[in-house]
Amino acid sequence: MSSQDRPSEDTYTYESTYCMGWPLYAGDPPHDRVGGAIYIVGDSFMSGAAVGSALHFVKGLRAAASGDRVASAFRAARSNAPRVAGMFGGYTAAFITVDNAVSLARGKETDHWSLALASAATFSLHGMRRGGAPAAARWALIGLTGYSFYAGFGPVLDYMNKALDSKLQQTRMRRMINRGEQPPTGP
């Protein structure tokens, strides 16, 4: 699908298909694995950059001598944030790869069991890198625990996201009416 065929922002369907928790535009194919993965890895990279910048800014601020705290904090954030961003993006790419492999092996689309297995396998690979089979088993349990928290809080976050999307859609329609444009009709 070319960018010209993609619906405009005003015709975005808020109850559209979700790919790995992320909404797709109404005209996209429902199983856009590559495109969805690229968007998710990019978002994860940007989240890692934000988290890494804030974390290392505070660490640099606390660890600096009293004379140049701010300069040291900026230096720490500038030198360490790209590493954290790359880790976030890399782990997300590994998770998506394992998730797609598990989904294809099971013959089902992404469901909770596939995501749980993918989470355990990704964290297990991380643990194996750090200390062999015992560490891999510990990290697999950590991955399952983290996924269970995500699965528990996921519906709450989805509800809050839908409420926010509804408010944004209402605001967008009010702006169209104020500009004298005809709001879109339909579901």
N, C-alpha and C. Protein backbone atom coordinates (compact mmCIF):
# COMPACT_ATOMS: atom_id res chain seq x y z
N MET A 1 0.84 -1.17 0.00
CA MET A 1 0.00 0.00 0.00
C MET A 1 0.89 1.23 0.00
N SER A 2 0.68 2.11 -0.94
CA SER A 2 1.50 3.31 -1.02
C SER A 2 1.00 4.35 -0.03
N SER A 3 1.83 5.37 0.19
CA SER A 3 1.45 6.41 1.14
C SER A 3 0.28 7.24 0.61
N GLN A 4 0.08 7.25 -0.71
CA GLN A 4 -1.05 8.00 -1.27
C GLN A 4 -2.37 7.31 -0.96
N ASP A 5 -2.36 5.97 -0.85
CA ASP A 5 -3.59 5.23 -0.58
C ASP A 5 -3.94 5.21 0.90
N ARG A 6 -2.98 5.57 1.77
CA ARG A 6 -3.22 5.53 3.21
C ARG A 6 -4.27 6.59 3.57
N PRO A 7 -5.22 6.24 4.44
CA PRO A 7 -6.23 7.21 4.83
C PRO A 7 -5.60 8.41 5.53
N SER A 8 -6.23 9.56 5.41
CA SER A 8 -5.72 10.74 6.08
C SER A 8 -5.95 10.61 7.58
N GLU A 9 -5.37 11.55 8.32
CA GLU A 9 -5.48 11.50 9.76
C GLU A 9 -6.93 11.62 10.22
N ASP A 10 -7.74 12.35 9.45
CA ASP A 10 -9.13 12.55 9.84
C ASP A 10 -9.99 11.31 9.63
N THR A 11 -9.58 10.39 8.76
CA THR A 11 -10.37 9.19 8.52
C THR A 11 -9.79 7.98 9.24
N TYR A 12 -8.93 8.23 10.21
CA TYR A 12 -8.32 7.14 10.98
C TYR A 12 -9.41 6.39 11.75
N THR A 13 -9.39 5.09 11.66
CA THR A 13 -10.38 4.28 12.36
C THR A 13 -9.81 3.89 13.71
N TYR A 14 -10.44 4.31 14.78
CA TYR A 14 -9.90 4.07 16.11
C TYR A 14 -10.21 2.66 16.61
N GLU A 15 -11.20 2.00 16.05
CA GLU A 15 -11.47 0.61 16.40
C GLU A 15 -10.90 -0.30 15.32
N SER A 16 -9.73 0.03 14.81
CA SER A 16 -9.15 -0.74 13.71
C SER A 16 -8.39 -1.94 14.26
N THR A 17 -7.76 -2.65 13.37
CA THR A 17 -7.01 -3.83 13.73
C THR A 17 -5.78 -3.44 14.52
N TYR A 18 -5.41 -4.27 15.48
CA TYR A 18 -4.21 -4.03 16.26
C TYR A 18 -3.17 -5.08 15.89
N CYS A 19 -1.94 -4.67 15.72
CA CYS A 19 -0.82 -5.57 15.41
C CYS A 19 0.15 -5.49 16.58
N MET A 20 0.22 -6.53 17.36
CA MET A 20 1.10 -6.59 18.53
C MET A 20 0.84 -5.41 19.46
N GLY A 21 -0.41 -5.07 19.67
CA GLY A 21 -0.77 -4.01 20.58
C GLY A 21 -0.78 -2.62 19.98
N TRP A 22 -0.34 -2.46 18.73
CA TRP A 22 -0.27 -1.16 18.11
C TRP A 22 -1.34 -1.05 17.04
N PRO A 23 -2.07 0.07 16.99
CA PRO A 23 -3.14 0.20 16.00
C PRO A 23 -2.59 0.36 14.60
N LEU A 24 -3.26 -0.27 13.66
CA LEU A 24 -2.92 -0.12 12.25
C LEU A 24 -3.96 0.77 11.60
N TYR A 25 -3.61 1.42 10.51
CA TYR A 25 -4.59 2.20 9.78
C TYR A 25 -5.60 1.26 9.15
N ALA A 26 -6.78 1.79 8.88
CA ALA A 26 -7.88 0.96 8.41
C ALA A 26 -7.57 0.24 7.11
N GLY A 27 -6.76 0.81 6.24
CA GLY A 27 -6.49 0.19 4.95
C GLY A 27 -5.32 -0.77 4.95
N ASP A 28 -4.59 -0.86 6.05
CA ASP A 28 -3.42 -1.73 6.10
C ASP A 28 -3.85 -3.19 6.21
N PRO A 29 -3.02 -4.11 5.71
CA PRO A 29 -3.33 -5.51 5.92
C PRO A 29 -3.23 -5.85 7.41
N PRO A 30 -4.07 -6.75 7.92
CA PRO A 30 -4.10 -6.99 9.36
C PRO A 30 -2.85 -7.64 9.91
N HIS A 31 -2.04 -8.26 9.07
CA HIS A 31 -0.87 -8.96 9.59
C HIS A 31 0.40 -8.37 8.99
N ASP A 32 0.57 -7.10 9.15
CA ASP A 32 1.72 -6.39 8.62
C ASP A 32 2.89 -6.56 9.58
N ARG A 33 3.54 -7.70 9.52
CA ARG A 33 4.58 -8.03 10.49
C ARG A 33 5.81 -7.14 10.34
N VAL A 34 6.28 -6.94 9.14
CA VAL A 34 7.52 -6.19 8.95
C VAL A 34 7.31 -4.71 9.27
N GLY A 35 6.28 -4.12 8.70
CA GLY A 35 6.01 -2.71 8.97
C GLY A 35 5.71 -2.44 10.43
N GLY A 36 4.91 -3.31 11.04
CA GLY A 36 4.61 -3.15 12.47
C GLY A 36 5.86 -3.28 13.32
N ALA A 37 6.73 -4.21 12.95
CA ALA A 37 7.96 -4.42 13.72
C ALA A 37 8.87 -3.21 13.62
N ILE A 38 8.96 -2.63 12.43
CA ILE A 38 9.83 -1.46 12.25
C ILE A 38 9.33 -0.30 13.10
N TYR A 39 8.02 -0.07 13.10
CA TYR A 39 7.46 1.01 13.92
C TYR A 39 7.70 0.76 15.40
N ILE A 40 7.51 -0.47 15.84
CA ILE A 40 7.65 -0.78 17.26
C ILE A 40 9.11 -0.66 17.69
N VAL A 41 10.03 -1.15 16.88
CA VAL A 41 11.46 -1.04 17.23
C VAL A 41 11.87 0.44 17.25
N GLY A 42 11.39 1.22 16.31
CA GLY A 42 11.70 2.65 16.30
C GLY A 42 11.16 3.36 17.53
N ASP A 43 9.92 3.05 17.90
CA ASP A 43 9.35 3.65 19.10
C ASP A 43 10.12 3.23 20.34
N SER A 44 10.54 1.97 20.38
CA SER A 44 11.31 1.48 21.52
C SER A 44 12.67 2.16 21.58
N PHE A 45 13.30 2.37 20.43
CA PHE A 45 14.57 3.08 20.39
C PHE A 45 14.41 4.49 20.93
N MET A 46 13.36 5.18 20.51
CA MET A 46 13.13 6.54 21.00
C MET A 46 12.82 6.56 22.49
N SER A 47 12.06 5.57 22.97
CA SER A 47 11.79 5.48 24.41
C SER A 47 13.09 5.25 25.17
N GLY A 48 13.94 4.38 24.63
CA GLY A 48 15.23 4.14 25.27
C GLY A 48 16.10 5.38 25.30
N ALA A 49 16.04 6.18 24.25
CA ALA A 49 16.81 7.43 24.23
C ALA A 49 16.30 8.39 25.30
N ALA A 50 15.00 8.48 25.46
CA ALA A 50 14.43 9.37 26.48
C ALA A 50 14.77 8.87 27.88
N VAL A 51 14.58 7.57 28.11
CA VAL A 51 14.87 7.01 29.43
C VAL A 51 16.36 7.11 29.73
N GLY A 52 17.19 6.77 28.76
CA GLY A 52 18.64 6.84 28.96
C GLY A 52 19.12 8.25 29.22
N SER A 53 18.55 9.22 28.50
CA SER A 53 18.94 10.61 28.73
C SER A 53 18.60 11.06 30.14
N ALA A 54 17.38 10.78 30.56
CA ALA A 54 16.96 11.20 31.90
C ALA A 54 17.75 10.48 32.98
N LEU A 55 17.92 9.18 32.83
CA LEU A 55 18.62 8.39 33.84
C LEU A 55 20.07 8.83 33.97
N HIS A 56 20.77 8.95 32.86
CA HIS A 56 22.19 9.29 32.93
C HIS A 56 22.41 10.77 33.22
N PHE A 57 21.43 11.62 32.93
CA PHE A 57 21.53 13.02 33.34
C PHE A 57 21.52 13.11 34.87
N VAL A 58 20.59 12.38 35.49
CA VAL A 58 20.51 12.39 36.96
C VAL A 58 21.76 11.75 37.56
N LYS A 59 22.22 10.65 36.97
CA LYS A 59 23.43 10.01 37.49
C LYS A 59 24.64 10.93 37.36
N GLY A 60 24.77 11.62 36.24
CA GLY A 60 25.86 12.55 36.05
C GLY A 60 25.77 13.74 36.96
N LEU A 61 24.56 14.17 37.26
CA LEU A 61 24.34 15.30 38.16
C LEU A 61 24.77 14.93 39.58
N ARG A 62 24.46 13.71 39.98
CA ARG A 62 24.78 13.28 41.35
C ARG A 62 26.26 12.94 41.52
N ALA A 63 26.90 12.46 40.46
CA ALA A 63 28.28 11.99 40.59
C ALA A 63 29.32 13.07 40.33
N ALA A 64 28.91 14.24 39.91
CA ALA A 64 29.86 15.28 39.51
C ALA A 64 30.38 16.04 40.73
N ALA A 65 31.51 16.68 40.52
CA ALA A 65 32.02 17.59 41.54
C ALA A 65 31.11 18.81 41.59
N SER A 66 31.16 19.51 42.68
CA SER A 66 30.20 20.59 42.91
C SER A 66 30.32 21.73 41.91
N GLY A 67 31.46 21.91 41.28
CA GLY A 67 31.65 23.04 40.38
C GLY A 67 31.00 22.91 39.02
N ASP A 68 30.95 21.70 38.46
CA ASP A 68 30.43 21.56 37.10
C ASP A 68 29.39 20.44 37.02
N ARG A 69 28.41 20.51 37.85
CA ARG A 69 27.39 19.46 37.89
C ARG A 69 26.58 19.40 36.60
N VAL A 70 26.12 20.51 36.10
CA VAL A 70 25.26 20.51 34.93
C VAL A 70 26.03 20.06 33.68
N ALA A 71 27.25 20.54 33.52
CA ALA A 71 28.06 20.14 32.37
C ALA A 71 28.35 18.64 32.43
N SER A 72 28.64 18.15 33.61
CA SER A 72 28.91 16.72 33.77
C SER A 72 27.64 15.89 33.52
N ALA A 73 26.49 16.40 33.92
CA ALA A 73 25.23 15.69 33.69
C ALA A 73 24.93 15.60 32.20
N PHE A 74 25.11 16.70 31.47
CA PHE A 74 24.89 16.67 30.03
C PHE A 74 25.88 15.74 29.32
N ARG A 75 27.13 15.75 29.79
CA ARG A 75 28.14 14.88 29.20
C ARG A 75 27.78 13.41 29.43
N ALA A 76 27.33 13.07 30.62
CA ALA A 76 26.94 11.69 30.92
C ALA A 76 25.74 11.27 30.08
N ALA A 77 24.76 12.15 29.95
CA ALA A 77 23.57 11.82 29.15
C ALA A 77 23.93 11.66 27.68
N ARG A 78 24.77 12.55 27.16
CA ARG A 78 25.15 12.50 25.75
C ARG A 78 25.97 11.25 25.42
N SER A 79 26.78 10.79 26.35
CA SER A 79 27.63 9.63 26.06
C SER A 79 26.94 8.30 26.32
N ASN A 80 25.95 8.25 27.20
CA ASN A 80 25.33 6.97 27.56
C ASN A 80 23.93 6.74 26.99
N ALA A 81 23.22 7.79 26.63
CA ALA A 81 21.86 7.62 26.12
C ALA A 81 21.81 6.82 24.82
N PRO A 82 22.73 6.99 23.87
CA PRO A 82 22.67 6.16 22.66
C PRO A 82 22.83 4.67 22.94
N ARG A 83 23.64 4.32 23.94
CA ARG A 83 23.81 2.92 24.30
C ARG A 83 22.51 2.34 24.84
N VAL A 84 21.83 3.09 25.70
CA VAL A 84 20.56 2.62 26.26
C VAL A 84 19.50 2.52 25.17
N ALA A 85 19.47 3.49 24.27
CA ALA A 85 18.50 3.45 23.17
C ALA A 85 18.74 2.24 22.29
N GLY A 86 19.99 1.95 21.98
CA GLY A 86 20.31 0.78 21.17
C GLY A 86 19.92 -0.52 21.86
N MET A 87 20.11 -0.58 23.17
CA MET A 87 19.69 -1.78 23.91
C MET A 87 18.18 -1.96 23.86
N PHE A 88 17.44 -0.88 24.07
CA PHE A 88 15.98 -0.97 24.00
C PHE A 88 15.54 -1.46 22.62
N GLY A 89 16.09 -0.85 21.58
CA GLY A 89 15.73 -1.25 20.22
C GLY A 89 16.14 -2.68 19.91
N GLY A 90 17.33 -3.07 20.34
CA GLY A 90 17.81 -4.43 20.08
C GLY A 90 16.99 -5.49 20.78
N TYR A 91 16.67 -5.25 22.04
CA TYR A 91 15.85 -6.23 22.76
C TYR A 91 14.44 -6.30 22.19
N THR A 92 13.91 -5.17 21.75
CA THR A 92 12.59 -5.19 21.14
C THR A 92 12.61 -5.95 19.82
N ALA A 93 13.66 -5.75 19.03
CA ALA A 93 13.78 -6.48 17.77
C ALA A 93 13.90 -7.99 18.02
N ALA A 94 14.68 -8.36 19.04
CA ALA A 94 14.80 -9.79 19.38
C ALA A 94 13.46 -10.35 19.84
N PHE A 95 12.73 -9.58 20.66
CA PHE A 95 11.43 -10.04 21.14
C PHE A 95 10.45 -10.23 19.99
N ILE A 96 10.41 -9.28 19.07
CA ILE A 96 9.48 -9.38 17.94
C ILE A 96 9.84 -10.56 17.05
N THR A 97 11.15 -10.77 16.85
CA THR A 97 11.59 -11.91 16.03
C THR A 97 11.16 -13.23 16.65
N VAL A 98 11.39 -13.38 17.96
CA VAL A 98 11.01 -14.62 18.64
C VAL A 98 9.48 -14.74 18.67
N ASP A 99 8.78 -13.63 18.88
CA ASP A 99 7.32 -13.67 18.91
C ASP A 99 6.76 -14.14 17.57
N ASN A 100 7.28 -13.61 16.47
CA ASN A 100 6.81 -14.04 15.15
C ASN A 100 7.16 -15.49 14.89
N ALA A 101 8.35 -15.93 15.32
CA ALA A 101 8.74 -17.33 15.13
C ALA A 101 7.82 -18.26 15.92
N VAL A 102 7.51 -17.89 17.15
CA VAL A 102 6.61 -18.72 17.98
C VAL A 102 5.21 -18.74 17.38
N SER A 103 4.74 -17.59 16.93
CA SER A 103 3.40 -17.52 16.32
C SER A 103 3.32 -18.37 15.07
N LEU A 104 4.34 -18.31 14.23
CA LEU A 104 4.33 -19.12 13.01
C LEU A 104 4.48 -20.61 13.32
N ALA A 105 5.29 -20.95 14.33
CA ALA A 105 5.46 -22.36 14.69
C ALA A 105 4.17 -22.94 15.28
N ARG A 106 3.45 -22.14 16.05
CA ARG A 106 2.20 -22.61 16.65
C ARG A 106 1.05 -22.56 15.65
N GLY A 107 1.21 -21.84 14.56
CA GLY A 107 0.15 -21.73 13.57
C GLY A 107 -0.97 -20.81 14.00
N LYS A 108 -0.71 -19.96 14.97
CA LYS A 108 -1.71 -19.01 15.45
C LYS A 108 -1.13 -17.61 15.38
N GLU A 109 -2.03 -16.64 15.32
CA GLU A 109 -1.57 -15.27 15.38
C GLU A 109 -1.15 -14.98 16.82
N THR A 110 -0.58 -13.81 16.99
CA THR A 110 -0.07 -13.43 18.30
C THR A 110 -1.18 -13.49 19.34
N ASP A 111 -0.99 -14.32 20.34
CA ASP A 111 -1.91 -14.40 21.47
C ASP A 111 -1.08 -14.37 22.74
N HIS A 112 -1.73 -14.52 23.88
CA HIS A 112 -1.02 -14.40 25.15
C HIS A 112 0.03 -15.49 25.34
N TRP A 113 -0.25 -16.70 24.90
CA TRP A 113 0.73 -17.77 25.07
C TRP A 113 1.95 -17.53 24.20
N SER A 114 1.75 -17.09 22.99
CA SER A 114 2.90 -16.79 22.12
C SER A 114 3.74 -15.66 22.70
N LEU A 115 3.08 -14.64 23.21
CA LEU A 115 3.81 -13.53 23.81
C LEU A 115 4.55 -13.95 25.07
N ALA A 116 3.93 -14.81 25.88
CA ALA A 116 4.61 -15.29 27.09
C ALA A 116 5.83 -16.13 26.73
N LEU A 117 5.69 -17.01 25.75
CA LEU A 117 6.83 -17.81 25.32
C LEU A 117 7.93 -16.93 24.71
N ALA A 118 7.53 -15.94 23.94
CA ALA A 118 8.51 -15.04 23.34
C ALA A 118 9.24 -14.23 24.40
N SER A 119 8.51 -13.78 25.40
CA SER A 119 9.13 -13.03 26.48
C SER A 119 10.13 -13.90 27.25
N ALA A 120 9.72 -15.12 27.58
CA ALA A 120 10.62 -16.03 28.29
C ALA A 120 11.85 -16.36 27.44
N ALA A 121 11.67 -16.60 26.15
CA ALA A 121 12.79 -16.95 25.29
C ALA A 121 13.75 -15.78 25.10
N THR A 122 13.21 -14.57 24.94
CA THR A 122 14.07 -13.40 24.76
C THR A 122 14.90 -13.13 26.01
N PHE A 123 14.25 -13.16 27.16
CA PHE A 123 14.99 -12.95 28.40
C PHE A 123 15.95 -14.10 28.67
N SER A 124 15.59 -15.30 28.25
CA SER A 124 16.48 -16.45 28.41
C SER A 124 17.74 -16.27 27.56
N LEU A 125 17.59 -15.78 26.34
CA LEU A 125 18.75 -15.50 25.50
C LEU A 125 19.65 -14.45 26.14
N HIS A 126 19.03 -13.45 26.74
CA HIS A 126 19.79 -12.42 27.45
C HIS A 126 20.54 -13.05 28.62
N GLY A 127 19.89 -13.92 29.39
CA GLY A 127 20.54 -14.56 30.52
C GLY A 127 21.65 -15.50 30.10
N MET A 128 21.46 -16.19 28.98
CA MET A 128 22.48 -17.10 28.48
C MET A 128 23.75 -16.33 28.14
N ARG A 129 23.59 -15.14 27.64
CA ARG A 129 24.74 -14.31 27.31
C ARG A 129 25.49 -13.92 28.57
N ARG A 130 24.77 -13.84 29.68
CA ARG A 130 25.37 -13.37 30.92
C ARG A 130 25.89 -14.47 31.83
N GLY A 131 25.46 -15.73 31.63
CA GLY A 131 25.95 -16.73 32.59
C GLY A 131 25.50 -18.15 32.36
N GLY A 132 25.22 -18.55 31.16
CA GLY A 132 24.91 -19.94 30.88
C GLY A 132 23.48 -20.33 31.21
N ALA A 133 23.27 -21.64 31.37
CA ALA A 133 21.93 -22.20 31.56
C ALA A 133 21.25 -21.75 32.86
N PRO A 134 21.95 -21.73 34.01
CA PRO A 134 21.26 -21.27 35.23
C PRO A 134 20.76 -19.83 35.12
N ALA A 135 21.60 -18.98 34.56
CA ALA A 135 21.18 -17.59 34.38
C ALA A 135 20.05 -17.49 33.37
N ALA A 136 20.08 -18.33 32.34
CA ALA A 136 19.01 -18.32 31.33
C ALA A 136 17.68 -18.68 31.97
N ALA A 137 17.69 -19.68 32.86
CA ALA A 137 16.44 -20.07 33.54
C ALA A 137 15.93 -18.95 34.44
N ARG A 138 16.83 -18.29 35.16
CA ARG A 138 16.40 -17.17 36.03
C ARG A 138 15.81 -16.04 35.19
N TRP A 139 16.48 -15.70 34.09
CA TRP A 139 16.01 -14.61 33.26
C TRP A 139 14.70 -14.96 32.55
N ALA A 140 14.50 -16.24 32.24
CA ALA A 140 13.22 -16.66 31.65
C ALA A 140 12.09 -16.42 32.64
N LEU A 141 12.31 -16.72 33.91
CA LEU A 141 11.29 -16.44 34.93
C LEU A 141 11.04 -14.95 35.08
N ILE A 142 12.10 -14.17 35.01
CA ILE A 142 11.95 -12.72 35.08
C ILE A 142 11.13 -12.22 33.88
N GLY A 143 11.40 -12.77 32.70
CA GLY A 143 10.64 -12.38 31.51
C GLY A 143 9.17 -12.75 31.63
N LEU A 144 8.88 -13.94 32.15
CA LEU A 144 7.47 -14.34 32.34
C LEU A 144 6.78 -13.45 33.37
N THR A 145 7.50 -13.11 34.43
CA THR A 145 6.92 -12.22 35.45
C THR A 145 6.62 -10.84 34.85
N GLY A 146 7.58 -10.32 34.10
CA GLY A 146 7.36 -9.02 33.46
C GLY A 146 6.19 -9.04 32.50
N TYR A 147 6.09 -10.12 31.71
CA TYR A 147 4.97 -10.21 30.78
C TYR A 147 3.64 -10.32 31.53
N SER A 148 3.63 -11.05 32.65
CA SER A 148 2.37 -11.19 33.40
C SER A 148 1.90 -9.84 33.94
N PHE A 149 2.85 -9.00 34.37
CA PHE A 149 2.47 -7.65 34.79
C PHE A 149 1.93 -6.85 33.60
N TYR A 150 2.59 -6.97 32.47
CA TYR A 150 2.12 -6.27 31.27
C TYR A 150 0.73 -6.76 30.87
N ALA A 151 0.53 -8.08 30.90
CA ALA A 151 -0.78 -8.63 30.52
C ALA A 151 -1.86 -8.21 31.50
N GLY A 152 -1.49 -8.04 32.75
CA GLY A 152 -2.46 -7.61 33.75
C GLY A 152 -2.83 -6.15 33.61
N PHE A 153 -1.84 -5.31 33.33
CA PHE A 153 -2.09 -3.88 33.21
C PHE A 153 -2.42 -3.46 31.79
N GLY A 154 -2.23 -4.35 30.82
CA GLY A 154 -2.51 -4.02 29.43
C GLY A 154 -3.93 -3.56 29.17
N PRO A 155 -4.96 -4.28 29.68
CA PRO A 155 -6.33 -3.82 29.45
C PRO A 155 -6.60 -2.45 30.05
N VAL A 156 -6.00 -2.15 31.19
CA VAL A 156 -6.19 -0.84 31.80
C VAL A 156 -5.57 0.24 30.90
N LEU A 157 -4.36 -0.03 30.41
CA LEU A 157 -3.71 0.94 29.53
C LEU A 157 -4.46 1.09 28.21
N ASP A 158 -5.00 -0.01 27.68
CA ASP A 158 -5.80 0.07 26.45
C ASP A 158 -7.04 0.93 26.65
N TYR A 159 -7.70 0.76 27.80
CA TYR A 159 -8.89 1.56 28.11
C TYR A 159 -8.53 3.04 28.16
N MET A 160 -7.41 3.36 28.85
CA MET A 160 -6.99 4.75 28.94
C MET A 160 -6.61 5.30 27.56
N ASN A 161 -5.97 4.47 26.73
CA ASN A 161 -5.59 4.90 25.38
C ASN A 161 -6.81 5.14 24.51
N LYS A 162 -7.83 4.28 24.62
CA LYS A 162 -9.05 4.49 23.84
C LYS A 162 -9.78 5.75 24.28
N ALA A 163 -9.78 6.03 25.59
CA ALA A 163 -10.42 7.26 26.07
C ALA A 163 -9.68 8.48 25.53
N LEU A 164 -8.35 8.43 25.52
CA LEU A 164 -7.57 9.53 24.99
C LEU A 164 -7.80 9.69 23.49
N ASP A 165 -7.84 8.57 22.77
CA ASP A 165 -8.10 8.64 21.33
C ASP A 165 -9.48 9.23 21.05
N SER A 166 -10.47 8.88 21.87
CA SER A 166 -11.80 9.43 21.69
C SER A 166 -11.79 10.94 21.90
N LYS A 167 -11.08 11.40 22.92
CA LYS A 167 -10.98 12.84 23.17
C LYS A 167 -10.27 13.54 22.01
N LEU A 168 -9.21 12.92 21.49
CA LEU A 168 -8.50 13.52 20.36
C LEU A 168 -9.38 13.59 19.12
N GLN A 169 -10.18 12.55 18.89
CA GLN A 169 -11.07 12.55 17.74
C GLN A 169 -12.14 13.63 17.90
N GLN A 170 -12.67 13.80 19.12
CA GLN A 170 -13.66 14.85 19.35
C GLN A 170 -13.05 16.23 19.11
N THR A 171 -11.83 16.43 19.59
CA THR A 171 -11.16 17.71 19.39
C THR A 171 -10.92 17.97 17.92
N ARG A 172 -10.50 16.96 17.18
CA ARG A 172 -10.25 17.10 15.75
C ARG A 172 -11.54 17.46 15.01
N MET A 173 -12.66 16.83 15.39
CA MET A 173 -13.94 17.14 14.73
C MET A 173 -14.39 18.55 15.07
N ARG A 174 -14.19 19.00 16.33
CA ARG A 174 -14.56 20.36 16.70
C ARG A 174 -13.75 21.37 15.89
N ARG A 175 -12.46 21.10 15.69
CA ARG A 175 -11.63 22.01 14.90
C ARG A 175 -12.10 22.07 13.45
N MET A 176 -12.50 20.93 12.90
CA MET A 176 -13.01 20.91 11.53
C MET A 176 -14.28 21.74 11.43
N ILE A 177 -15.17 21.60 12.40
CA ILE A 177 -16.43 22.36 12.38
C ILE A 177 -16.13 23.84 12.51
N ASN A 178 -15.19 24.21 13.39
CA ASN A 178 -14.84 25.62 13.57
C ASN A 178 -14.23 26.23 12.31
N ARG A 179 -13.52 25.42 11.52
CA ARG A 179 -12.94 25.91 10.27
C ARG A 179 -13.97 25.93 9.15
N GLY A 180 -15.15 25.42 9.39
CA GLY A 180 -16.20 25.41 8.38
C GLY A 180 -16.16 24.19 7.49
N GLU A 181 -15.38 23.17 7.83
CA GLU A 181 -15.29 21.97 7.01
C GLU A 181 -16.38 20.98 7.44
N GLN A 182 -16.72 20.11 6.55
CA GLN A 182 -17.70 19.09 6.84
C GLN A 182 -17.01 17.92 7.53
N PRO A 183 -17.43 17.54 8.76
CA PRO A 183 -16.81 16.40 9.43
C PRO A 183 -17.16 15.10 8.71
N PRO A 184 -16.28 14.11 8.80
CA PRO A 184 -16.56 12.83 8.13
C PRO A 184 -17.75 12.13 8.76
N THR A 185 -18.50 11.44 7.95
CA THR A 185 -19.65 10.69 8.46
C THR A 185 -19.34 9.20 8.42
N GLY A 186 -20.06 8.45 9.17
CA GLY A 186 -19.85 7.00 9.19
C GLY A 186 -19.43 6.53 10.58
N PRO A 187 -19.09 5.24 10.67
CA PRO A 187 -18.76 4.70 12.01
C PRO A 187 -17.50 5.24 12.58
